[in-house]
Amino acid sequence: MRLKLPSYALPWQIIILPLSFVLFFGLDAYFTLICIHRGGDERNPIMELALRQGLGFFIFIKKMLTIIPAIVL
């Protein structure tokens, strides 16, 4: 069975918008880590807790909180 897309769905809504989410995730994570390295702090309590667990866990949580909405979108 083939998935039929609604006639009003444009290619940018299906492909580019979710990919933009993922791109902005990468930029957000990168700039957050630069700020923290320069003496800043994470103001989001959930991400601060993830950062305390380690860099890999921080990236994983940030990625999941971005990719799941991108899939839903």
PDB file of N, CA and C in Angstrom:
ATOM      1  N   MET A   1       0.845  -1.174   0.000  1.00  0.00           N
ATOM      2  CA  MET A   1       0.000   0.000   0.000  1.00  0.00           C
ATOM      3  C   MET A   1       0.887   1.233   0.000  1.00  0.00           C
ATOM      4  N   ARG A   2       0.598   2.162  -0.863  1.00  0.00           N
ATOM      5  CA  ARG A   2       1.422   3.361  -1.001  1.00  0.00           C
ATOM      6  C   ARG A   2       0.792   4.516  -0.231  1.00  0.00           C
ATOM      7  N   LEU A   3       1.633   5.265   0.468  1.00  0.00           N
ATOM      8  CA  LEU A   3       1.174   6.411   1.239  1.00  0.00           C
ATOM      9  C   LEU A   3       0.791   7.537   0.289  1.00  0.00           C
ATOM     10  N   LYS A   4      -0.430   8.000   0.409  1.00  0.00           N
ATOM     11  CA  LYS A   4      -0.883   9.094  -0.440  1.00  0.00           C
ATOM     12  C   LYS A   4      -0.845  10.387   0.368  1.00  0.00           C
ATOM     13  N   LEU A   5      -0.095  11.362  -0.143  1.00  0.00           N
ATOM     14  CA  LEU A   5       0.036  12.644   0.533  1.00  0.00           C
ATOM     15  C   LEU A   5      -1.130  13.544   0.169  1.00  0.00           C
ATOM     16  N   PRO A   6      -1.541  14.402   1.084  1.00  0.00           N
ATOM     17  CA  PRO A   6      -2.609  15.339   0.762  1.00  0.00           C
ATOM     18  C   PRO A   6      -2.193  16.239  -0.400  1.00  0.00           C
ATOM     19  N   SER A   7      -3.155  16.656  -1.188  1.00  0.00           N
ATOM     20  CA  SER A   7      -2.857  17.465  -2.369  1.00  0.00           C
ATOM     21  C   SER A   7      -2.295  18.835  -2.002  1.00  0.00           C
ATOM     22  N   TYR A   8      -2.586  19.304  -0.792  1.00  0.00           N
ATOM     23  CA  TYR A   8      -2.103  20.618  -0.370  1.00  0.00           C
ATOM     24  C   TYR A   8      -0.693  20.582   0.203  1.00  0.00           C
ATOM     25  N   ALA A   9      -0.121  19.406   0.406  1.00  0.00           N
ATOM     26  CA  ALA A   9       1.217  19.282   0.984  1.00  0.00           C
ATOM     27  C   ALA A   9       2.269  19.568  -0.087  1.00  0.00           C
ATOM     28  N   LEU A  10       3.052  20.583   0.143  1.00  0.00           N
ATOM     29  CA  LEU A  10       4.126  20.946  -0.767  1.00  0.00           C
ATOM     30  C   LEU A  10       5.397  20.205  -0.383  1.00  0.00           C
ATOM     31  N   PRO A  11       6.331  20.035  -1.319  1.00  0.00           N
ATOM     32  CA  PRO A  11       7.581  19.320  -0.981  1.00  0.00           C
ATOM     33  C   PRO A  11       8.342  19.949   0.186  1.00  0.00           C
ATOM     34  N   TRP A  12       8.331  21.275   0.293  1.00  0.00           N
ATOM     35  CA  TRP A  12       9.082  21.898   1.392  1.00  0.00           C
ATOM     36  C   TRP A  12       8.449  21.573   2.730  1.00  0.00           C
ATOM     37  N   GLN A  13       7.151  21.324   2.765  1.00  0.00           N
ATOM     38  CA  GLN A  13       6.497  20.973   4.020  1.00  0.00           C
ATOM     39  C   GLN A  13       6.838  19.553   4.443  1.00  0.00           C
ATOM     40  N   ILE A  14       7.125  18.710   3.484  1.00  0.00           N
ATOM     41  CA  ILE A  14       7.359  17.296   3.776  1.00  0.00           C
ATOM     42  C   ILE A  14       8.832  17.009   4.034  1.00  0.00           C
ATOM     43  N   ILE A  15       9.723  17.670   3.322  1.00  0.00           N
ATOM     44  CA  ILE A  15      11.144  17.352   3.391  1.00  0.00           C
ATOM     45  C   ILE A  15      11.953  18.460   4.053  1.00  0.00           C
ATOM     46  N   ILE A  16      11.848  19.656   3.552  1.00  0.00           N
ATOM     47  CA  ILE A  16      12.727  20.739   3.983  1.00  0.00           C
ATOM     48  C   ILE A  16      12.443  21.182   5.413  1.00  0.00           C
ATOM     49  N   LEU A  17      11.179  21.271   5.801  1.00  0.00           N
ATOM     50  CA  LEU A  17      10.862  21.724   7.150  1.00  0.00           C
ATOM     51  C   LEU A  17      11.405  20.795   8.238  1.00  0.00           C
ATOM     52  N   PRO A  18      11.185  19.475   8.156  1.00  0.00           N
ATOM     53  CA  PRO A  18      11.801  18.589   9.164  1.00  0.00           C
ATOM     54  C   PRO A  18      13.328  18.620   9.137  1.00  0.00           C
ATOM     55  N   LEU A  19      13.921  18.712   7.934  1.00  0.00           N
ATOM     56  CA  LEU A  19      15.381  18.792   7.861  1.00  0.00           C
ATOM     57  C   LEU A  19      15.899  20.091   8.473  1.00  0.00           C
ATOM     58  N   SER A  20      15.138  21.154   8.343  1.00  0.00           N
ATOM     59  CA  SER A  20      15.513  22.417   8.977  1.00  0.00           C
ATOM     60  C   SER A  20      15.520  22.276  10.491  1.00  0.00           C
ATOM     61  N   PHE A  21      14.539  21.547  11.032  1.00  0.00           N
ATOM     62  CA  PHE A  21      14.507  21.291  12.470  1.00  0.00           C
ATOM     63  C   PHE A  21      15.806  20.637  12.909  1.00  0.00           C
ATOM     64  N   VAL A  22      16.221  19.611  12.178  1.00  0.00           N
ATOM     65  CA  VAL A  22      17.427  18.872  12.543  1.00  0.00           C
ATOM     66  C   VAL A  22      18.671  19.758  12.404  1.00  0.00           C
ATOM     67  N   LEU A  23      18.720  20.577  11.365  1.00  0.00           N
ATOM     68  CA  LEU A  23      19.835  21.507  11.188  1.00  0.00           C
ATOM     69  C   LEU A  23      19.916  22.496  12.350  1.00  0.00           C
ATOM     70  N   PHE A  24      18.775  23.051  12.726  1.00  0.00           N
ATOM     71  CA  PHE A  24      18.774  24.008  13.826  1.00  0.00           C
ATOM     72  C   PHE A  24      19.097  23.345  15.159  1.00  0.00           C
ATOM     73  N   PHE A  25      18.781  22.055  15.303  1.00  0.00           N
ATOM     74  CA  PHE A  25      19.202  21.320  16.489  1.00  0.00           C
ATOM     75  C   PHE A  25      20.722  21.336  16.602  1.00  0.00           C
ATOM     76  N   GLY A  26      21.371  21.035  15.477  1.00  0.00           N
ATOM     77  CA  GLY A  26      22.832  21.003  15.480  1.00  0.00           C
ATOM     78  C   GLY A  26      23.433  22.346  15.824  1.00  0.00           C
ATOM     79  N   LEU A  27      22.888  23.399  15.245  1.00  0.00           N
ATOM     80  CA  LEU A  27      23.389  24.750  15.548  1.00  0.00           C
ATOM     81  C   LEU A  27      23.138  25.121  17.003  1.00  0.00           C
ATOM     82  N   ASP A  28      21.961  24.784  17.510  1.00  0.00           N
ATOM     83  CA  ASP A  28      21.638  25.091  18.908  1.00  0.00           C
ATOM     84  C   ASP A  28      22.577  24.356  19.858  1.00  0.00           C
ATOM     85  N   ALA A  29      22.797  23.081  19.611  1.00  0.00           N
ATOM     86  CA  ALA A  29      23.702  22.305  20.465  1.00  0.00           C
ATOM     87  C   ALA A  29      25.117  22.861  20.398  1.00  0.00           C
ATOM     88  N   TYR A  30      25.578  23.180  19.200  1.00  0.00           N
ATOM     89  CA  TYR A  30      26.925  23.714  19.007  1.00  0.00           C
ATOM     90  C   TYR A  30      27.109  25.032  19.758  1.00  0.00           C
ATOM     91  N   PHE A  31      26.191  25.970  19.566  1.00  0.00           N
ATOM     92  CA  PHE A  31      26.327  27.271  20.219  1.00  0.00           C
ATOM     93  C   PHE A  31      26.125  27.182  21.737  1.00  0.00           C
ATOM     94  N   THR A  32      25.285  26.264  22.177  1.00  0.00           N
ATOM     95  CA  THR A  32      25.122  26.052  23.617  1.00  0.00           C
ATOM     96  C   THR A  32      26.436  25.583  24.228  1.00  0.00           C
ATOM     97  N   LEU A  33      27.087  24.630  23.580  1.00  0.00           N
ATOM     98  CA  LEU A  33      28.351  24.114  24.112  1.00  0.00           C
ATOM     99  C   LEU A  33      29.455  25.167  24.069  1.00  0.00           C
ATOM    100  N   ILE A  34      29.464  26.025  23.056  1.00  0.00           N
ATOM    101  CA  ILE A  34      30.438  27.117  23.002  1.00  0.00           C
ATOM    102  C   ILE A  34      30.213  28.073  24.167  1.00  0.00           C
ATOM    103  N   CYS A  35      28.958  28.439  24.414  1.00  0.00           N
ATOM    104  CA  CYS A  35      28.654  29.352  25.530  1.00  0.00           C
ATOM    105  C   CYS A  35      29.068  28.748  26.869  1.00  0.00           C
ATOM    106  N   ILE A  36      28.775  27.469  27.066  1.00  0.00           N
ATOM    107  CA  ILE A  36      29.130  26.813  28.321  1.00  0.00           C
ATOM    108  C   ILE A  36      30.648  26.748  28.467  1.00  0.00           C
ATOM    109  N   HIS A  37      31.350  26.477  27.379  1.00  0.00           N
ATOM    110  CA  HIS A  37      32.805  26.425  27.411  1.00  0.00           C
ATOM    111  C   HIS A  37      33.407  27.783  27.788  1.00  0.00           C
ATOM    112  N   ARG A  38      32.734  28.854  27.403  1.00  0.00           N
ATOM    113  CA  ARG A  38      33.227  30.206  27.693  1.00  0.00           C
ATOM    114  C   ARG A  38      32.725  30.759  29.018  1.00  0.00           C
ATOM    115  N   GLY A  39      32.089  29.925  29.820  1.00  0.00           N
ATOM    116  CA  GLY A  39      31.694  30.356  31.151  1.00  0.00           C
ATOM    117  C   GLY A  39      30.208  30.564  31.339  1.00  0.00           C
ATOM    118  N   GLY A  40      29.425  30.349  30.313  1.00  0.00           N
ATOM    119  CA  GLY A  40      27.977  30.495  30.427  1.00  0.00           C
ATOM    120  C   GLY A  40      27.373  29.280  31.114  1.00  0.00           C
ATOM    121  N   ASP A  41      26.072  29.312  31.270  1.00  0.00           N
ATOM    122  CA  ASP A  41      25.390  28.169  31.862  1.00  0.00           C
ATOM    123  C   ASP A  41      24.119  27.866  31.082  1.00  0.00           C
ATOM    124  N   GLU A  42      23.645  26.644  31.235  1.00  0.00           N
ATOM    125  CA  GLU A  42      22.421  26.200  30.563  1.00  0.00           C
ATOM    126  C   GLU A  42      21.235  26.626  31.425  1.00  0.00           C
ATOM    127  N   ARG A  43      20.324  27.381  30.845  1.00  0.00           N
ATOM    128  CA  ARG A  43      19.187  27.902  31.595  1.00  0.00           C
ATOM    129  C   ARG A  43      17.994  26.952  31.584  1.00  0.00           C
ATOM    130  N   ASN A  44      17.989  25.986  30.701  1.00  0.00           N
ATOM    131  CA  ASN A  44      16.921  24.996  30.655  1.00  0.00           C
ATOM    132  C   ASN A  44      17.237  23.922  31.697  1.00  0.00           C
ATOM    133  N   PRO A  45      16.388  23.765  32.726  1.00  0.00           N
ATOM    134  CA  PRO A  45      16.710  22.806  33.797  1.00  0.00           C
ATOM    135  C   PRO A  45      16.833  21.362  33.311  1.00  0.00           C
ATOM    136  N   ILE A  46      16.037  20.974  32.338  1.00  0.00           N
ATOM    137  CA  ILE A  46      16.113  19.602  31.831  1.00  0.00           C
ATOM    138  C   ILE A  46      17.440  19.377  31.112  1.00  0.00           C
ATOM    139  N   MET A  47      17.820  20.334  30.272  1.00  0.00           N
ATOM    140  CA  MET A  47      19.076  20.183  29.538  1.00  0.00           C
ATOM    141  C   MET A  47      20.276  20.358  30.467  1.00  0.00           C
ATOM    142  N   GLU A  48      20.142  21.151  31.501  1.00  0.00           N
ATOM    143  CA  GLU A  48      21.237  21.283  32.477  1.00  0.00           C
ATOM    144  C   GLU A  48      21.474  19.948  33.175  1.00  0.00           C
ATOM    145  N   LEU A  49      20.389  19.267  33.536  1.00  0.00           N
ATOM    146  CA  LEU A  49      20.511  17.953  34.161  1.00  0.00           C
ATOM    147  C   LEU A  49      21.161  16.965  33.194  1.00  0.00           C
ATOM    148  N   ALA A  50      20.766  17.022  31.925  1.00  0.00           N
ATOM    149  CA  ALA A  50      21.355  16.140  30.912  1.00  0.00           C
ATOM    150  C   ALA A  50      22.841  16.449  30.738  1.00  0.00           C
ATOM    151  N   LEU A  51      23.203  17.722  30.779  1.00  0.00           N
ATOM    152  CA  LEU A  51      24.602  18.120  30.627  1.00  0.00           C
ATOM    153  C   LEU A  51      25.450  17.623  31.793  1.00  0.00           C
ATOM    154  N   ARG A  52      24.864  17.583  32.975  1.00  0.00           N
ATOM    155  CA  ARG A  52      25.594  17.063  34.141  1.00  0.00           C
ATOM    156  C   ARG A  52      25.889  15.573  34.000  1.00  0.00           C
ATOM    157  N   GLN A  53      25.070  14.860  33.225  1.00  0.00           N
ATOM    158  CA  GLN A  53      25.267  13.427  33.020  1.00  0.00           C
ATOM    159  C   GLN A  53      26.391  13.142  32.032  1.00  0.00           C
ATOM    160  N   GLY A  54      26.741  14.147  31.230  1.00  0.00           N
ATOM    161  CA  GLY A  54      27.821  13.967  30.267  1.00  0.00           C
ATOM    162  C   GLY A  54      27.448  14.553  28.918  1.00  0.00           C
ATOM    163  N   LEU A  55      28.469  14.822  28.130  1.00  0.00           N
ATOM    164  CA  LEU A  55      28.271  15.449  26.830  1.00  0.00           C
ATOM    165  C   LEU A  55      27.472  14.553  25.883  1.00  0.00           C
ATOM    166  N   GLY A  56      27.768  13.272  25.861  1.00  0.00           N
ATOM    167  CA  GLY A  56      27.049  12.347  24.996  1.00  0.00           C
ATOM    168  C   GLY A  56      25.568  12.269  25.339  1.00  0.00           C
ATOM    169  N   PHE A  57      25.268  12.227  26.619  1.00  0.00           N
ATOM    170  CA  PHE A  57      23.867  12.179  27.058  1.00  0.00           C
ATOM    171  C   PHE A  57      23.155  13.480  26.708  1.00  0.00           C
ATOM    172  N   PHE A  58      23.846  14.609  26.870  1.00  0.00           N
ATOM    173  CA  PHE A  58      23.299  15.915  26.519  1.00  0.00           C
ATOM    174  C   PHE A  58      22.911  15.962  25.040  1.00  0.00           C
ATOM    175  N   ILE A  59      23.819  15.525  24.176  1.00  0.00           N
ATOM    176  CA  ILE A  59      23.561  15.523  22.736  1.00  0.00           C
ATOM    177  C   ILE A  59      22.416  14.567  22.407  1.00  0.00           C
ATOM    178  N   PHE A  60      22.396  13.400  23.035  1.00  0.00           N
ATOM    179  CA  PHE A  60      21.335  12.426  22.782  1.00  0.00           C
ATOM    180  C   PHE A  60      19.968  12.992  23.141  1.00  0.00           C
ATOM    181  N   ILE A  61      19.835  13.567  24.316  1.00  0.00           N
ATOM    182  CA  ILE A  61      18.549  14.124  24.749  1.00  0.00           C
ATOM    183  C   ILE A  61      18.139  15.277  23.852  1.00  0.00           C
ATOM    184  N   LYS A  62      19.074  16.161  23.541  1.00  0.00           N
ATOM    185  CA  LYS A  62      18.765  17.292  22.670  1.00  0.00           C
ATOM    186  C   LYS A  62      18.331  16.806  21.298  1.00  0.00           C
ATOM    187  N   LYS A  63      18.988  15.764  20.789  1.00  0.00           N
ATOM    188  CA  LYS A  63      18.634  15.204  19.490  1.00  0.00           C
ATOM    189  C   LYS A  63      17.238  14.582  19.525  1.00  0.00           C
ATOM    190  N   MET A  64      16.926  13.841  20.566  1.00  0.00           N
ATOM    191  CA  MET A  64      15.611  13.212  20.670  1.00  0.00           C
ATOM    192  C   MET A  64      14.501  14.259  20.802  1.00  0.00           C
ATOM    193  N   LEU A  65      14.781  15.325  21.545  1.00  0.00           N
ATOM    194  CA  LEU A  65      13.778  16.383  21.700  1.00  0.00           C
ATOM    195  C   LEU A  65      13.599  17.195  20.420  1.00  0.00           C
ATOM    196  N   THR A  66      14.445  16.977  19.438  1.00  0.00           N
ATOM    197  CA  THR A  66      14.322  17.657  18.151  1.00  0.00           C
ATOM    198  C   THR A  66      13.815  16.708  17.074  1.00  0.00           C
ATOM    199  N   ILE A  67      14.327  15.496  17.032  1.00  0.00           N
ATOM    200  CA  ILE A  67      13.965  14.575  15.959  1.00  0.00           C
ATOM    201  C   ILE A  67      12.532  14.072  16.101  1.00  0.00           C
ATOM    202  N   ILE A  68      12.087  13.830  17.312  1.00  0.00           N
ATOM    203  CA  ILE A  68      10.700  13.346  17.493  1.00  0.00           C
ATOM    204  C   ILE A  68       9.688  14.356  16.955  1.00  0.00           C
ATOM    205  N   PRO A  69       9.777  15.658  17.298  1.00  0.00           N
ATOM    206  CA  PRO A  69       8.843  16.609  16.671  1.00  0.00           C
ATOM    207  C   PRO A  69       9.015  16.717  15.161  1.00  0.00           C
ATOM    208  N   ALA A  70      10.231  16.542  14.665  1.00  0.00           N
ATOM    209  CA  ALA A  70      10.450  16.596  13.212  1.00  0.00           C
ATOM    210  C   ALA A  70       9.742  15.432  12.516  1.00  0.00           C
ATOM    211  N   ILE A  71       9.740  14.281  13.139  1.00  0.00           N
ATOM    212  CA  ILE A  71       9.037  13.128  12.574  1.00  0.00           C
ATOM    213  C   ILE A  71       7.531  13.367  12.607  1.00  0.00           C
ATOM    214  N   VAL A  72       7.047  13.900  13.710  1.00  0.00           N
ATOM    215  CA  VAL A  72       5.615  14.191  13.826  1.00  0.00           C
ATOM    216  C   VAL A  72       5.208  15.251  12.799  1.00  0.00           C
ATOM    217  N   LEU A  73       6.090  16.211  12.611  1.00  0.00           N
ATOM    218  CA  LEU A  73       5.804  17.284  11.643  1.00  0.00           C
ATOM    219  C   LEU A  73       5.693  16.723  10.242  1.00  0.00           C
TER     220      LEU A  73
END
